[in-house]
Amino acid sequence: MAWNRILLLLTVTFCLSFSSCLRYSFTGASIPPGVNTIFIPFFPDQSNSGLGDLSNRLNEALINRFVNQSKLQLANNESDADAVLDGVITGYTNRPFSIGGDEQSDQNEVTITVRATFKYASKEEPEWTNTFSGKFTYDPTDDPINGENQAANSALEQAANNMFNDAVSNW
């Protein structure tokens, strides 16, 4: 009985003494020292999607992801930022995904493609330049306009999540 208490006390002491050496984040993002701000300019929409607010929606998704899921603050311009995420929306498609028995589309799929570059202000070369895409399906017979808009939002969220994950994977 006495040995069990001693063993328990030693285990707790050991765990507490090394817990200060560990850094843990619930988002999986551990930001390098000196990186406190990020600048995310609007990504121009060169996709010819016909949806005039894709840039705004992507910008909101990226800001929400980087600011709300990390300790980073949003910088107002590139010269004040420790990191910069810049890019362009390059593609938008809305195609039939599955065809029903009456040869009408049961599901459409919205795909959005974004080319982005992530760079630290302290380095001349970017950490990465990649192409990201997000896809989401919707029922065009139910409410085609709202369905497409919601699918576009979900596709943009996927692309933003992938950019965030690539940026923080090196942290």
N, C-alpha and C. Protein backbone atom coordinates (compact mmCIF):
# COMPACT_ATOMS: atom_id res chain seq x y z
N MET A 1 0.82 -1.18 0.00
CA MET A 1 0.00 0.00 0.00
C MET A 1 0.87 1.25 0.00
N ALA A 2 1.91 1.27 0.84
CA ALA A 2 2.81 2.42 0.92
C ALA A 2 3.57 2.59 -0.40
N TRP A 3 3.96 1.47 -1.03
CA TRP A 3 4.67 1.55 -2.30
C TRP A 3 3.77 2.12 -3.40
N ASN A 4 2.50 1.79 -3.37
CA ASN A 4 1.56 2.32 -4.38
C ASN A 4 1.45 3.84 -4.27
N ARG A 5 1.41 4.35 -3.04
CA ARG A 5 1.33 5.80 -2.84
C ARG A 5 2.62 6.48 -3.27
N ILE A 6 3.74 5.89 -2.97
CA ILE A 6 5.03 6.46 -3.37
C ILE A 6 5.14 6.45 -4.89
N LEU A 7 4.76 5.36 -5.51
CA LEU A 7 4.80 5.25 -6.96
C LEU A 7 3.86 6.29 -7.60
N LEU A 8 2.68 6.44 -7.05
CA LEU A 8 1.73 7.43 -7.55
C LEU A 8 2.29 8.84 -7.40
N LEU A 9 2.87 9.14 -6.26
CA LEU A 9 3.45 10.45 -6.00
C LEU A 9 4.61 10.74 -6.96
N LEU A 10 5.46 9.75 -7.20
CA LEU A 10 6.56 9.93 -8.14
C LEU A 10 6.05 10.14 -9.57
N THR A 11 5.03 9.41 -9.95
CA THR A 11 4.46 9.54 -11.29
C THR A 11 3.87 10.93 -11.48
N VAL A 12 3.11 11.40 -10.51
CA VAL A 12 2.51 12.73 -10.61
C VAL A 12 3.60 13.81 -10.64
N THR A 13 4.61 13.69 -9.82
CA THR A 13 5.71 14.65 -9.79
C THR A 13 6.43 14.68 -11.13
N PHE A 14 6.70 13.51 -11.68
CA PHE A 14 7.37 13.40 -12.97
C PHE A 14 6.54 14.09 -14.06
N CYS A 15 5.25 13.80 -14.10
CA CYS A 15 4.38 14.38 -15.13
C CYS A 15 4.31 15.90 -15.01
N LEU A 16 4.19 16.39 -13.78
CA LEU A 16 4.10 17.84 -13.59
C LEU A 16 5.40 18.54 -13.93
N SER A 17 6.51 17.93 -13.64
CA SER A 17 7.80 18.58 -13.92
C SER A 17 8.07 18.70 -15.41
N PHE A 18 7.55 17.78 -16.21
CA PHE A 18 7.79 17.83 -17.65
C PHE A 18 6.65 18.46 -18.43
N SER A 19 5.54 18.75 -17.77
CA SER A 19 4.41 19.34 -18.49
C SER A 19 4.72 20.74 -18.99
N SER A 20 5.59 21.46 -18.31
CA SER A 20 5.92 22.81 -18.77
C SER A 20 6.77 22.78 -20.04
N CYS A 21 7.34 21.65 -20.38
CA CYS A 21 8.15 21.54 -21.58
C CYS A 21 7.30 21.27 -22.81
N LEU A 22 6.07 20.88 -22.58
CA LEU A 22 5.20 20.53 -23.70
C LEU A 22 4.39 21.73 -24.14
N ARG A 23 4.21 21.87 -25.46
CA ARG A 23 3.32 22.88 -26.00
C ARG A 23 2.24 22.14 -26.74
N TYR A 24 1.00 22.45 -26.39
CA TYR A 24 -0.11 21.77 -27.04
C TYR A 24 -1.13 22.78 -27.48
N SER A 25 -1.68 22.58 -28.64
CA SER A 25 -2.74 23.43 -29.15
C SER A 25 -3.90 22.55 -29.58
N PHE A 26 -5.11 22.96 -29.25
CA PHE A 26 -6.27 22.17 -29.62
C PHE A 26 -6.51 22.17 -31.12
N THR A 27 -5.97 23.13 -31.83
CA THR A 27 -6.13 23.18 -33.28
C THR A 27 -5.01 22.44 -33.99
N GLY A 28 -4.00 22.02 -33.27
CA GLY A 28 -2.87 21.38 -33.91
C GLY A 28 -1.86 22.39 -34.43
N ALA A 29 -2.11 23.67 -34.18
CA ALA A 29 -1.23 24.72 -34.69
C ALA A 29 -0.34 25.22 -33.57
N SER A 30 0.93 25.09 -33.77
CA SER A 30 1.92 25.64 -32.85
C SER A 30 2.71 26.65 -33.65
N ILE A 31 2.52 27.93 -33.35
CA ILE A 31 3.06 29.01 -34.17
C ILE A 31 4.50 29.30 -33.75
N PRO A 32 5.40 29.49 -34.71
CA PRO A 32 6.79 29.76 -34.37
C PRO A 32 6.94 31.09 -33.62
N PRO A 33 7.96 31.20 -32.80
CA PRO A 33 8.20 32.45 -32.08
C PRO A 33 8.40 33.61 -33.06
N GLY A 34 7.89 34.77 -32.69
CA GLY A 34 8.04 35.95 -33.52
C GLY A 34 6.98 36.12 -34.58
N VAL A 35 6.14 35.12 -34.77
CA VAL A 35 5.05 35.23 -35.75
C VAL A 35 3.77 35.52 -34.97
N ASN A 36 3.34 36.78 -35.03
CA ASN A 36 2.17 37.22 -34.27
C ASN A 36 1.05 37.76 -35.14
N THR A 37 1.38 38.16 -36.37
CA THR A 37 0.38 38.76 -37.25
C THR A 37 0.42 38.12 -38.63
N ILE A 38 -0.74 38.17 -39.30
CA ILE A 38 -0.84 37.67 -40.67
C ILE A 38 -1.65 38.66 -41.48
N PHE A 39 -1.23 38.84 -42.72
CA PHE A 39 -1.95 39.69 -43.66
C PHE A 39 -2.57 38.78 -44.71
N ILE A 40 -3.88 38.92 -44.91
CA ILE A 40 -4.60 38.12 -45.90
C ILE A 40 -5.35 39.09 -46.82
N PRO A 41 -4.74 39.49 -47.94
CA PRO A 41 -5.44 40.40 -48.85
C PRO A 41 -6.56 39.66 -49.58
N PHE A 42 -7.44 40.41 -50.22
CA PHE A 42 -8.49 39.77 -51.00
C PHE A 42 -7.87 39.00 -52.15
N PHE A 43 -8.38 37.79 -52.36
CA PHE A 43 -7.95 36.96 -53.46
C PHE A 43 -8.81 37.34 -54.67
N PRO A 44 -8.24 37.91 -55.72
CA PRO A 44 -9.06 38.27 -56.88
C PRO A 44 -9.72 37.03 -57.48
N ASP A 45 -10.93 37.23 -57.98
CA ASP A 45 -11.68 36.14 -58.59
C ASP A 45 -11.49 36.18 -60.10
N GLN A 46 -10.67 35.27 -60.61
CA GLN A 46 -10.43 35.17 -62.05
C GLN A 46 -11.11 33.92 -62.61
N SER A 47 -12.14 33.44 -61.91
CA SER A 47 -12.77 32.17 -62.29
C SER A 47 -13.93 32.33 -63.27
N ASN A 48 -14.38 33.55 -63.49
CA ASN A 48 -15.57 33.78 -64.33
C ASN A 48 -16.77 33.00 -63.82
N SER A 49 -16.93 32.96 -62.51
CA SER A 49 -18.00 32.18 -61.90
C SER A 49 -19.37 32.80 -62.06
N GLY A 50 -19.42 34.10 -62.17
CA GLY A 50 -20.71 34.77 -62.19
C GLY A 50 -21.19 35.11 -60.79
N LEU A 51 -20.50 34.63 -59.78
CA LEU A 51 -20.82 34.96 -58.39
C LEU A 51 -19.88 36.09 -57.97
N GLY A 52 -20.42 37.26 -57.76
CA GLY A 52 -19.60 38.45 -57.55
C GLY A 52 -18.90 38.53 -56.21
N ASP A 53 -19.27 37.69 -55.26
CA ASP A 53 -18.71 37.84 -53.91
C ASP A 53 -17.83 36.68 -53.47
N LEU A 54 -17.31 35.91 -54.40
CA LEU A 54 -16.43 34.78 -54.02
C LEU A 54 -15.20 35.27 -53.27
N SER A 55 -14.61 36.38 -53.70
CA SER A 55 -13.43 36.91 -53.02
C SER A 55 -13.74 37.24 -51.58
N ASN A 56 -14.86 37.91 -51.34
CA ASN A 56 -15.25 38.26 -49.97
C ASN A 56 -15.47 37.02 -49.12
N ARG A 57 -16.15 36.04 -49.69
CA ARG A 57 -16.44 34.81 -48.93
C ARG A 57 -15.17 34.05 -48.58
N LEU A 58 -14.24 33.95 -49.54
CA LEU A 58 -12.97 33.27 -49.27
C LEU A 58 -12.18 34.03 -48.23
N ASN A 59 -12.13 35.36 -48.35
CA ASN A 59 -11.40 36.17 -47.38
C ASN A 59 -11.95 35.97 -45.97
N GLU A 60 -13.27 35.97 -45.83
CA GLU A 60 -13.89 35.74 -44.51
C GLU A 60 -13.53 34.36 -43.97
N ALA A 61 -13.59 33.35 -44.82
CA ALA A 61 -13.26 31.98 -44.39
C ALA A 61 -11.81 31.90 -43.92
N LEU A 62 -10.90 32.53 -44.66
CA LEU A 62 -9.48 32.49 -44.29
C LEU A 62 -9.22 33.24 -42.99
N ILE A 63 -9.79 34.42 -42.87
CA ILE A 63 -9.60 35.20 -41.65
C ILE A 63 -10.16 34.45 -40.45
N ASN A 64 -11.36 33.90 -40.60
CA ASN A 64 -11.94 33.12 -39.49
C ASN A 64 -11.04 31.97 -39.09
N ARG A 65 -10.49 31.29 -40.07
CA ARG A 65 -9.65 30.13 -39.78
C ARG A 65 -8.35 30.55 -39.09
N PHE A 66 -7.64 31.52 -39.64
CA PHE A 66 -6.33 31.89 -39.11
C PHE A 66 -6.43 32.66 -37.79
N VAL A 67 -7.39 33.55 -37.67
CA VAL A 67 -7.49 34.37 -36.46
C VAL A 67 -8.19 33.62 -35.33
N ASN A 68 -9.24 32.87 -35.65
CA ASN A 68 -10.00 32.19 -34.61
C ASN A 68 -9.38 30.86 -34.18
N GLN A 69 -8.53 30.27 -34.99
CA GLN A 69 -7.98 28.96 -34.67
C GLN A 69 -6.49 29.02 -34.37
N SER A 70 -5.97 30.21 -34.21
CA SER A 70 -4.56 30.37 -33.83
C SER A 70 -4.46 31.66 -33.02
N LYS A 71 -3.28 31.95 -32.55
CA LYS A 71 -3.07 33.17 -31.77
C LYS A 71 -2.74 34.38 -32.65
N LEU A 72 -2.77 34.20 -33.95
CA LEU A 72 -2.41 35.28 -34.87
C LEU A 72 -3.43 36.40 -34.87
N GLN A 73 -2.93 37.61 -35.00
CA GLN A 73 -3.76 38.80 -35.16
C GLN A 73 -3.71 39.19 -36.63
N LEU A 74 -4.77 39.82 -37.10
CA LEU A 74 -4.84 40.24 -38.50
C LEU A 74 -4.10 41.57 -38.66
N ALA A 75 -3.17 41.62 -39.60
CA ALA A 75 -2.44 42.86 -39.92
C ALA A 75 -3.21 43.62 -41.00
N ASN A 76 -3.10 44.94 -40.96
CA ASN A 76 -3.81 45.78 -41.94
C ASN A 76 -3.10 45.89 -43.27
N ASN A 77 -1.81 45.59 -43.29
CA ASN A 77 -1.06 45.65 -44.54
C ASN A 77 0.12 44.69 -44.46
N GLU A 78 0.72 44.44 -45.61
CA GLU A 78 1.80 43.47 -45.70
C GLU A 78 3.04 43.88 -44.91
N SER A 79 3.33 45.18 -44.86
CA SER A 79 4.54 45.63 -44.18
C SER A 79 4.46 45.47 -42.66
N ASP A 80 3.26 45.38 -42.11
CA ASP A 80 3.09 45.19 -40.66
C ASP A 80 2.95 43.72 -40.27
N ALA A 81 2.96 42.81 -41.23
CA ALA A 81 2.66 41.39 -40.96
C ALA A 81 3.93 40.56 -40.82
N ASP A 82 3.82 39.53 -39.98
CA ASP A 82 4.89 38.54 -39.83
C ASP A 82 4.75 37.42 -40.86
N ALA A 83 3.54 37.25 -41.38
CA ALA A 83 3.27 36.23 -42.40
C ALA A 83 2.22 36.78 -43.36
N VAL A 84 2.27 36.30 -44.61
CA VAL A 84 1.33 36.76 -45.63
C VAL A 84 0.80 35.55 -46.37
N LEU A 85 -0.53 35.52 -46.54
CA LEU A 85 -1.18 34.50 -47.35
C LEU A 85 -1.88 35.23 -48.49
N ASP A 86 -1.41 35.00 -49.70
CA ASP A 86 -1.90 35.73 -50.86
C ASP A 86 -2.27 34.73 -51.95
N GLY A 87 -3.18 35.11 -52.83
CA GLY A 87 -3.52 34.20 -53.91
C GLY A 87 -4.61 34.72 -54.81
N VAL A 88 -5.15 33.81 -55.61
CA VAL A 88 -6.16 34.14 -56.60
C VAL A 88 -7.11 32.94 -56.77
N ILE A 89 -8.39 33.25 -56.94
CA ILE A 89 -9.37 32.20 -57.26
C ILE A 89 -9.27 31.96 -58.76
N THR A 90 -8.86 30.76 -59.14
CA THR A 90 -8.57 30.48 -60.55
C THR A 90 -9.65 29.70 -61.26
N GLY A 91 -10.49 28.99 -60.53
CA GLY A 91 -11.48 28.16 -61.21
C GLY A 91 -12.76 28.00 -60.43
N TYR A 92 -13.85 27.88 -61.17
CA TYR A 92 -15.17 27.63 -60.59
C TYR A 92 -15.94 26.78 -61.58
N THR A 93 -16.41 25.63 -61.14
CA THR A 93 -17.28 24.82 -61.99
C THR A 93 -18.51 24.41 -61.19
N ASN A 94 -19.61 24.27 -61.91
CA ASN A 94 -20.87 23.78 -61.36
C ASN A 94 -21.40 22.79 -62.37
N ARG A 95 -21.15 21.51 -62.10
CA ARG A 95 -21.46 20.45 -63.07
C ARG A 95 -22.38 19.40 -62.46
N PRO A 96 -23.12 18.72 -63.34
CA PRO A 96 -23.91 17.58 -62.83
C PRO A 96 -22.98 16.54 -62.22
N PHE A 97 -23.39 16.03 -61.07
CA PHE A 97 -22.59 15.03 -60.36
C PHE A 97 -23.22 13.65 -60.49
N SER A 98 -24.54 13.61 -60.43
CA SER A 98 -25.24 12.34 -60.63
C SER A 98 -26.52 12.61 -61.42
N ILE A 99 -26.85 11.66 -62.28
CA ILE A 99 -28.00 11.79 -63.16
C ILE A 99 -29.06 10.78 -62.72
N GLY A 100 -30.31 11.26 -62.65
CA GLY A 100 -31.42 10.39 -62.25
C GLY A 100 -32.00 9.65 -63.42
N GLY A 101 -33.06 8.89 -63.16
CA GLY A 101 -33.69 8.07 -64.18
C GLY A 101 -34.30 8.87 -65.31
N ASP A 102 -34.69 10.10 -65.06
CA ASP A 102 -35.28 10.94 -66.10
C ASP A 102 -34.21 11.76 -66.84
N GLU A 103 -32.98 11.36 -66.70
CA GLU A 103 -31.82 11.99 -67.32
C GLU A 103 -31.67 13.46 -66.93
N GLN A 104 -32.13 13.79 -65.73
CA GLN A 104 -31.93 15.10 -65.14
C GLN A 104 -30.93 14.95 -64.00
N SER A 105 -30.23 16.01 -63.72
CA SER A 105 -29.23 15.97 -62.65
C SER A 105 -29.91 15.89 -61.29
N ASP A 106 -29.54 14.85 -60.52
CA ASP A 106 -30.02 14.72 -59.14
C ASP A 106 -29.13 15.51 -58.19
N GLN A 107 -27.85 15.61 -58.53
CA GLN A 107 -26.87 16.31 -57.71
C GLN A 107 -25.94 17.08 -58.65
N ASN A 108 -25.65 18.31 -58.29
CA ASN A 108 -24.61 19.08 -58.96
C ASN A 108 -23.44 19.23 -58.01
N GLU A 109 -22.25 19.38 -58.57
CA GLU A 109 -21.06 19.57 -57.76
C GLU A 109 -20.39 20.90 -58.11
N VAL A 110 -20.19 21.72 -57.08
CA VAL A 110 -19.46 22.98 -57.23
C VAL A 110 -18.02 22.71 -56.83
N THR A 111 -17.09 23.08 -57.69
CA THR A 111 -15.66 22.96 -57.42
C THR A 111 -15.03 24.34 -57.57
N ILE A 112 -14.27 24.75 -56.55
CA ILE A 112 -13.58 26.03 -56.58
C ILE A 112 -12.09 25.76 -56.41
N THR A 113 -11.29 26.37 -57.29
CA THR A 113 -9.84 26.19 -57.26
C THR A 113 -9.18 27.52 -56.93
N VAL A 114 -8.19 27.46 -56.02
CA VAL A 114 -7.49 28.65 -55.56
C VAL A 114 -5.99 28.38 -55.62
N ARG A 115 -5.24 29.32 -56.16
CA ARG A 115 -3.78 29.25 -56.12
C ARG A 115 -3.32 30.22 -55.04
N ALA A 116 -2.52 29.74 -54.09
CA ALA A 116 -2.13 30.58 -52.95
C ALA A 116 -0.64 30.43 -52.66
N THR A 117 -0.11 31.48 -52.03
CA THR A 117 1.29 31.52 -51.60
C THR A 117 1.32 31.94 -50.14
N PHE A 118 2.10 31.21 -49.35
CA PHE A 118 2.28 31.54 -47.94
C PHE A 118 3.74 31.90 -47.73
N LYS A 119 3.97 33.07 -47.09
CA LYS A 119 5.34 33.57 -46.93
C LYS A 119 5.49 34.23 -45.57
N TYR A 120 6.66 34.01 -44.96
CA TYR A 120 7.03 34.74 -43.75
C TYR A 120 7.73 36.02 -44.16
N ALA A 121 7.48 37.10 -43.43
CA ALA A 121 8.11 38.39 -43.74
C ALA A 121 9.62 38.33 -43.58
N SER A 122 10.09 37.46 -42.70
CA SER A 122 11.53 37.37 -42.43
C SER A 122 12.29 36.58 -43.50
N LYS A 123 11.58 35.97 -44.43
CA LYS A 123 12.22 35.17 -45.48
C LYS A 123 11.87 35.73 -46.85
N GLU A 124 12.81 35.60 -47.77
CA GLU A 124 12.57 36.09 -49.12
C GLU A 124 11.74 35.10 -49.94
N GLU A 125 11.99 33.83 -49.75
CA GLU A 125 11.28 32.81 -50.52
C GLU A 125 10.02 32.38 -49.79
N PRO A 126 8.94 32.11 -50.52
CA PRO A 126 7.72 31.63 -49.87
C PRO A 126 7.90 30.23 -49.28
N GLU A 127 7.15 29.95 -48.25
CA GLU A 127 7.15 28.60 -47.67
C GLU A 127 6.56 27.62 -48.67
N TRP A 128 5.51 28.05 -49.35
CA TRP A 128 4.88 27.24 -50.39
C TRP A 128 4.03 28.07 -51.32
N THR A 129 3.86 27.57 -52.51
CA THR A 129 2.88 28.06 -53.48
C THR A 129 2.17 26.82 -53.98
N ASN A 130 0.87 26.72 -53.68
CA ASN A 130 0.11 25.51 -54.01
C ASN A 130 -1.24 25.86 -54.61
N THR A 131 -1.85 24.88 -55.22
CA THR A 131 -3.22 24.99 -55.70
C THR A 131 -4.11 24.17 -54.78
N PHE A 132 -5.20 24.78 -54.35
CA PHE A 132 -6.15 24.14 -53.44
C PHE A 132 -7.52 24.13 -54.10
N SER A 133 -8.29 23.12 -53.77
CA SER A 133 -9.66 23.10 -54.28
C SER A 133 -10.60 22.58 -53.20
N GLY A 134 -11.82 22.99 -53.34
CA GLY A 134 -12.89 22.52 -52.48
C GLY A 134 -14.06 22.10 -53.35
N LYS A 135 -14.77 21.06 -52.92
CA LYS A 135 -15.90 20.54 -53.69
C LYS A 135 -17.07 20.31 -52.75
N PHE A 136 -18.27 20.55 -53.29
CA PHE A 136 -19.46 20.25 -52.51
C PHE A 136 -20.62 20.03 -53.46
N THR A 137 -21.48 19.09 -53.13
CA THR A 137 -22.64 18.79 -53.97
C THR A 137 -23.91 19.37 -53.37
N TYR A 138 -24.89 19.58 -54.25
CA TYR A 138 -26.20 20.07 -53.83
C TYR A 138 -27.26 19.54 -54.78
N ASP A 139 -28.51 19.63 -54.36
CA ASP A 139 -29.64 19.18 -55.16
C ASP A 139 -30.18 20.37 -55.97
N PRO A 140 -29.98 20.37 -57.28
CA PRO A 140 -30.41 21.51 -58.08
C PRO A 140 -31.92 21.59 -58.27
N THR A 141 -32.64 20.52 -57.96
CA THR A 141 -34.10 20.54 -58.11
C THR A 141 -34.80 21.12 -56.88
N ASP A 142 -34.11 21.16 -55.76
CA ASP A 142 -34.72 21.65 -54.52
C ASP A 142 -34.77 23.18 -54.51
N ASP A 143 -33.62 23.83 -54.47
CA ASP A 143 -33.52 25.29 -54.49
C ASP A 143 -32.19 25.62 -55.17
N PRO A 144 -32.20 25.73 -56.50
CA PRO A 144 -30.93 25.81 -57.23
C PRO A 144 -30.04 26.99 -56.85
N ILE A 145 -30.61 28.15 -56.60
CA ILE A 145 -29.78 29.33 -56.31
C ILE A 145 -29.16 29.22 -54.93
N ASN A 146 -30.00 28.96 -53.91
CA ASN A 146 -29.45 28.79 -52.56
C ASN A 146 -28.56 27.57 -52.47
N GLY A 147 -28.91 26.51 -53.18
CA GLY A 147 -28.09 25.30 -53.17
C GLY A 147 -26.69 25.57 -53.71
N GLU A 148 -26.62 26.29 -54.82
CA GLU A 148 -25.32 26.62 -55.39
C GLU A 148 -24.52 27.52 -54.46
N ASN A 149 -25.18 28.52 -53.87
CA ASN A 149 -24.49 29.42 -52.94
C ASN A 149 -23.96 28.68 -51.72
N GLN A 150 -24.76 27.79 -51.17
CA GLN A 150 -24.31 27.02 -50.01
C GLN A 150 -23.18 26.06 -50.39
N ALA A 151 -23.29 25.45 -51.57
CA ALA A 151 -22.22 24.56 -52.03
C ALA A 151 -20.93 25.36 -52.25
N ALA A 152 -21.04 26.58 -52.79
CA ALA A 152 -19.86 27.43 -52.99
C ALA A 152 -19.24 27.78 -51.64
N ASN A 153 -20.06 28.11 -50.65
CA ASN A 153 -19.53 28.41 -49.31
C ASN A 153 -18.78 27.22 -48.74
N SER A 154 -19.36 26.03 -48.86
CA SER A 154 -18.71 24.83 -48.33
C SER A 154 -17.42 24.52 -49.07
N ALA A 155 -17.40 24.72 -50.38
CA ALA A 155 -16.18 24.50 -51.16
C ALA A 155 -15.10 25.50 -50.76
N LEU A 156 -15.49 26.76 -50.53
CA LEU A 156 -14.52 27.77 -50.08
C LEU A 156 -13.99 27.45 -48.70
N GLU A 157 -14.84 26.95 -47.81
CA GLU A 157 -14.40 26.55 -46.47
C GLU A 157 -13.37 25.42 -46.56
N GLN A 158 -13.62 24.45 -47.45
CA GLN A 158 -12.66 23.36 -47.63
C GLN A 158 -11.32 23.88 -48.10
N ALA A 159 -11.34 24.78 -49.09
CA ALA A 159 -10.09 25.34 -49.61
C ALA A 159 -9.37 26.12 -48.51
N ALA A 160 -10.12 26.92 -47.74
CA ALA A 160 -9.52 27.69 -46.64
C ALA A 160 -8.92 26.76 -45.58
N ASN A 161 -9.63 25.70 -45.25
CA ASN A 161 -9.12 24.72 -44.28
C ASN A 161 -7.82 24.09 -44.77
N ASN A 162 -7.78 23.76 -46.05
CA ASN A 162 -6.57 23.14 -46.61
C ASN A 162 -5.39 24.12 -46.61
N MET A 163 -5.66 25.40 -46.89
CA MET A 163 -4.59 26.40 -46.84
C MET A 163 -4.08 26.57 -45.41
N PHE A 164 -5.00 26.64 -44.46
CA PHE A 164 -4.61 26.75 -43.06
C PHE A 164 -3.77 25.55 -42.64
N ASN A 165 -4.23 24.35 -42.98
CA ASN A 165 -3.50 23.14 -42.60
C ASN A 165 -2.10 23.11 -43.21
N ASP A 166 -1.97 23.52 -44.48
CA ASP A 166 -0.64 23.55 -45.10
C ASP A 166 0.26 24.60 -44.44
N ALA A 167 -0.33 25.74 -44.08
CA ALA A 167 0.47 26.79 -43.45
C ALA A 167 0.96 26.38 -42.07
N VAL A 168 0.11 25.73 -41.28
CA VAL A 168 0.50 25.40 -39.91
C VAL A 168 1.20 24.05 -39.81
N SER A 169 1.21 23.27 -40.87
CA SER A 169 1.86 21.96 -40.80
C SER A 169 3.36 22.09 -40.60
N ASN A 170 3.93 23.22 -41.02
CA ASN A 170 5.37 23.43 -40.83
C ASN A 170 5.69 24.06 -39.48
N TRP A 171 4.67 24.44 -38.74
CA TRP A 171 4.87 25.07 -37.45
C TRP A 171 5.13 24.02 -36.46
